[in-house]
Amino acid sequence: MKNLKTYLMLAVLAAAANDAAAQKGFISLFDGKTLKGWKILAGKAEYKVENGGITGTAVLNSGNTFLVTEKEY
């Protein structure tokens, strides 16, 4: 029962923090589903979305690859 209360409290705090960030002009750069708004610079690494995160796979002897936003902030 004590663990349940702890988890519920953490969930409430996380939701409140998320709401506060949205209200203060926070801009989410990643939607967790696509790479919309992102581009690859240099190199030949491949990037994809897996389980809500961005995963990059290097290509041997291709140099550094950078994943950057299309828009400047």
Foldseek 3Di string as FASTA:
>chain_A
DVVVVVVVVVVVVVVVVVVVCVVVVNDDCAPLAALPQKDKDFFDWDWDRDRSDIDIDHDPPRDDMDIGGPDDD
